[in-house]
Amino acid sequence: MTIRHRWVPGPNLLDAANHTEPASFAAAVAEIAHWIRALDGSDARLDANLANFCLTDDRPVLVDVLPPLIPSLRPKPVNLFDELFAVLCFDTPVLLDAFLGYALRACLHTPNRTPARGLLPVVRDFAADDDADAGFPATWFRVRLQLAASAACGEVAVESVHDFFSLTSVLGFGQLSEHARRHRIDAVARRIQEWS
């Protein structure tokens, strides 16, 4: 199957976080969050990587749709990375938490917190209800979002957000051995417990 669409000049949403009017960025994030939520009852999911979207006339355009994410064809996890990745791809509450957390973190790469603060109403509208017993991996993405929101408000240091995102990096987790993944899960749980 080949899918073609017109050339979209960008910028991609990841780059736009600190180079676009905060209101435009927040509106684009809210629109994509609507798309994610609207697909929840269907047999399709959206790969909500910020780099998969461009802004054109202040509106988001999806520019990467492959591979298709089809919940009815969800593969059975065979290791901890598969478990993490499947939840991230197919569970709408986790997808929203991850997407919003990534968007906030992208805004926190500069000292100006105005873009990140502009996202807080979107976070309140779309973040999943707090579930203390969510477990791995949903807790990772929930805590990421909570930390990033706290940093946007000036309640925690931005460095804490970046450190936790590094500790819970999906790419980094995938590169670990299964034994090291178990240790990483324990290390993250201890870190979360220290903050509680």
Protein backbone atom coordinates (compact mmCIF):
# COMPACT_ATOMS: atom_id res chain seq x y z
CA MET A 1 0.00 0.00 0.00
CA THR A 2 1.26 3.47 -0.83
CA ILE A 3 -0.07 6.61 0.78
CA ARG A 4 0.73 9.97 -0.73
CA HIS A 5 -0.09 13.44 0.42
CA ARG A 6 1.03 16.93 -0.51
CA TRP A 7 4.37 18.16 0.81
CA VAL A 8 3.98 19.72 4.25
CA PRO A 9 6.80 22.18 4.97
CA GLY A 10 6.64 22.02 8.76
CA PRO A 11 7.82 22.81 11.35
CA ASN A 12 7.23 19.49 13.05
CA LEU A 13 5.48 19.77 16.38
CA LEU A 14 8.59 18.84 18.35
CA ASP A 15 10.51 21.76 16.85
CA ALA A 16 7.50 24.05 17.11
CA ALA A 17 7.26 23.71 20.89
CA ASN A 18 9.57 26.65 21.50
CA HIS A 19 9.39 28.39 18.11
CA THR A 20 5.64 28.93 17.77
CA GLU A 21 3.19 31.12 19.61
CA PRO A 22 2.30 29.27 22.85
CA ALA A 23 -1.43 29.50 22.09
CA SER A 24 -0.91 27.94 18.64
CA PHE A 25 1.18 25.12 20.06
CA ALA A 26 -1.36 24.44 22.82
CA ALA A 27 -4.22 24.44 20.29
CA ALA A 28 -2.35 21.94 18.09
CA VAL A 29 -1.67 19.66 21.06
CA ALA A 30 -5.33 19.86 22.09
CA GLU A 31 -6.47 18.99 18.57
CA ILE A 32 -4.23 15.93 18.42
CA ALA A 33 -5.38 14.88 21.90
CA HIS A 34 -8.96 15.06 20.55
CA TRP A 35 -7.95 12.78 17.68
CA ILE A 36 -6.37 10.29 20.10
CA ARG A 37 -9.45 10.24 22.32
CA ALA A 38 -11.84 9.98 19.34
CA LEU A 39 -10.07 6.83 18.13
CA ASP A 40 -10.48 5.07 21.48
CA GLY A 41 -13.64 3.22 20.44
CA SER A 42 -12.26 2.26 17.03
CA ASP A 43 -9.81 -0.34 15.79
CA ALA A 44 -7.11 2.22 15.10
CA ARG A 45 -4.61 4.22 17.09
CA LEU A 46 -2.45 7.21 16.33
CA ASP A 47 1.33 7.22 16.67
CA ALA A 48 1.46 10.41 18.71
CA ASN A 49 5.18 11.10 18.39
CA LEU A 50 5.48 14.89 18.20
CA ALA A 51 7.80 14.55 15.20
CA ASN A 52 4.96 12.87 13.26
CA PHE A 53 3.03 16.14 12.99
CA CYS A 54 3.70 19.39 11.18
CA LEU A 55 2.04 22.73 11.73
CA THR A 56 0.51 24.34 8.67
CA ASP A 57 -1.48 27.54 9.13
CA ASP A 58 -1.37 26.85 12.88
CA ARG A 59 -3.11 23.49 12.42
CA PRO A 60 -1.53 20.08 12.98
CA VAL A 61 -1.10 17.75 10.01
CA LEU A 62 -0.22 14.08 10.53
CA VAL A 63 2.68 13.24 8.24
CA ASP A 64 3.57 9.71 9.40
CA VAL A 65 0.91 7.02 9.59
CA LEU A 66 2.94 3.81 9.22
CA PRO A 67 3.02 1.20 10.57
CA PRO A 68 -0.71 1.04 11.24
CA LEU A 69 -1.62 0.59 14.90
CA ILE A 70 -4.59 -1.79 14.99
CA PRO A 71 -5.71 -2.86 18.49
CA SER A 72 -7.41 -6.05 17.27
CA LEU A 73 -4.02 -7.16 15.90
CA ARG A 74 -2.14 -6.19 19.03
CA PRO A 75 0.75 -8.63 19.41
CA LYS A 76 1.14 -10.54 22.63
CA PRO A 77 4.14 -9.20 24.60
CA VAL A 78 7.04 -11.63 24.94
CA ASN A 79 9.27 -9.38 27.07
CA LEU A 80 9.12 -6.25 29.19
CA PHE A 81 9.91 -3.94 26.30
CA ASP A 82 7.03 -5.41 24.28
CA GLU A 83 4.77 -4.81 27.27
CA LEU A 84 5.86 -1.18 27.56
CA PHE A 85 5.61 -0.52 23.84
CA ALA A 86 2.22 -2.19 23.42
CA VAL A 87 0.68 -0.16 26.23
CA LEU A 88 2.18 3.01 24.76
CA CYS A 89 0.76 2.20 21.32
CA PHE A 90 -2.68 0.84 22.16
CA ASP A 91 -3.93 2.05 25.58
CA THR A 92 -5.55 5.43 25.05
CA PRO A 93 -5.09 6.78 28.62
CA VAL A 94 -1.37 5.95 28.48
CA LEU A 95 -1.10 7.31 24.95
CA LEU A 96 -2.59 10.61 26.12
CA ASP A 97 -0.38 10.81 29.21
CA ALA A 98 2.71 10.06 27.13
CA PHE A 99 1.79 12.53 24.38
CA LEU A 100 1.03 15.34 26.83
CA GLY A 101 4.15 14.60 28.86
CA TYR A 102 6.33 14.71 25.73
CA ALA A 103 4.70 18.00 24.67
CA LEU A 104 5.35 19.58 28.07
CA ARG A 105 8.91 18.31 28.13
CA ALA A 106 9.54 19.76 24.67
CA CYS A 107 8.44 23.14 26.00
CA LEU A 108 10.78 22.84 28.98
CA HIS A 109 13.95 22.86 26.88
CA THR A 110 14.19 26.64 27.19
CA PRO A 111 14.09 28.87 30.29
CA ASN A 112 10.81 30.47 29.15
CA ARG A 113 8.03 28.46 30.81
CA THR A 114 5.19 30.32 29.07
CA PRO A 115 4.66 27.63 26.39
CA ALA A 116 4.62 24.87 29.03
CA ARG A 117 2.19 26.80 31.24
CA GLY A 118 0.00 27.31 28.18
CA LEU A 119 -0.37 23.54 27.91
CA LEU A 120 -1.63 23.03 31.46
CA PRO A 121 -5.34 23.54 30.59
CA VAL A 122 -4.94 20.93 27.82
CA VAL A 123 -3.35 18.55 30.33
CA ARG A 124 -6.26 19.05 32.72
CA ASP A 125 -8.74 18.34 29.92
CA PHE A 126 -7.11 15.21 28.53
CA ALA A 127 -4.92 13.52 31.15
CA ALA A 128 -6.28 10.21 32.41
CA ASP A 129 -7.81 10.00 35.87
CA ASP A 130 -5.19 9.31 38.50
CA ASP A 131 -4.91 5.59 39.26
CA ALA A 132 -2.47 4.89 42.06
CA ASP A 133 -2.43 1.17 41.19
CA ALA A 134 -1.77 1.57 37.47
CA GLY A 135 1.54 -0.31 37.67
CA PHE A 136 4.23 -0.53 35.04
CA PRO A 137 4.23 0.90 32.38
CA ALA A 138 1.26 3.26 32.82
CA THR A 139 2.80 4.71 35.99
CA TRP A 140 5.94 5.72 34.10
CA PHE A 141 4.04 7.92 31.69
CA ARG A 142 1.69 9.25 34.39
CA VAL A 143 4.61 10.34 36.58
CA ARG A 144 6.40 11.86 33.59
CA LEU A 145 3.34 13.99 32.90
CA GLN A 146 2.90 14.96 36.55
CA LEU A 147 6.56 15.96 36.89
CA ALA A 148 6.50 18.00 33.68
CA ALA A 149 3.32 19.78 34.81
CA SER A 150 4.91 20.54 38.18
CA ALA A 151 7.99 21.93 36.44
CA ALA A 152 5.79 24.11 34.23
CA CYS A 153 4.34 25.59 37.42
CA GLY A 154 7.81 26.10 38.90
CA GLU A 155 7.22 23.53 41.66
CA VAL A 156 10.09 21.20 40.70
CA ALA A 157 13.36 21.71 38.87
CA VAL A 158 13.27 21.16 35.11
CA GLU A 159 16.37 18.98 35.50
CA SER A 160 14.26 16.49 37.49
CA VAL A 161 11.93 16.15 34.52
CA HIS A 162 14.76 15.54 32.07
CA ASP A 163 16.41 13.05 34.45
CA PHE A 164 13.19 11.08 34.87
CA PHE A 165 12.50 11.07 31.13
CA SER A 166 16.02 9.70 30.62
CA LEU A 167 15.50 7.04 33.30
CA THR A 168 12.21 5.98 31.65
CA SER A 169 13.33 6.39 28.03
CA VAL A 170 11.47 3.96 25.78
CA LEU A 171 14.42 3.77 23.40
CA GLY A 172 16.85 3.23 26.27
CA PHE A 173 14.62 0.58 27.83
CA GLY A 174 14.52 -1.28 24.51
CA GLN A 175 18.31 -1.42 24.38
CA LEU A 176 18.64 -3.07 27.80
CA SER A 177 18.80 -6.80 28.45
CA GLU A 178 15.69 -8.32 30.02
CA HIS A 179 17.54 -8.63 33.33
CA ALA A 180 18.56 -4.96 33.19
CA ARG A 181 14.96 -4.00 32.31
CA ARG A 182 13.74 -5.63 35.54
CA HIS A 183 16.33 -3.63 37.47
CA ARG A 184 15.29 -0.45 35.67
CA ILE A 185 11.63 -1.02 36.62
CA ASP A 186 12.69 -1.43 40.26
CA ALA A 187 14.88 1.69 40.09
CA VAL A 188 12.02 3.75 38.66
CA ALA A 189 9.64 2.44 41.35
CA ARG A 190 12.13 3.47 44.03
CA ARG A 191 12.50 6.92 42.53
CA ILE A 192 8.73 7.38 42.43
CA GLN A 193 8.47 6.18 46.03
CA GLU A 194 11.06 8.79 47.10
CA TRP A 195 8.86 11.53 45.66
CA SER A 196 5.68 10.23 47.30
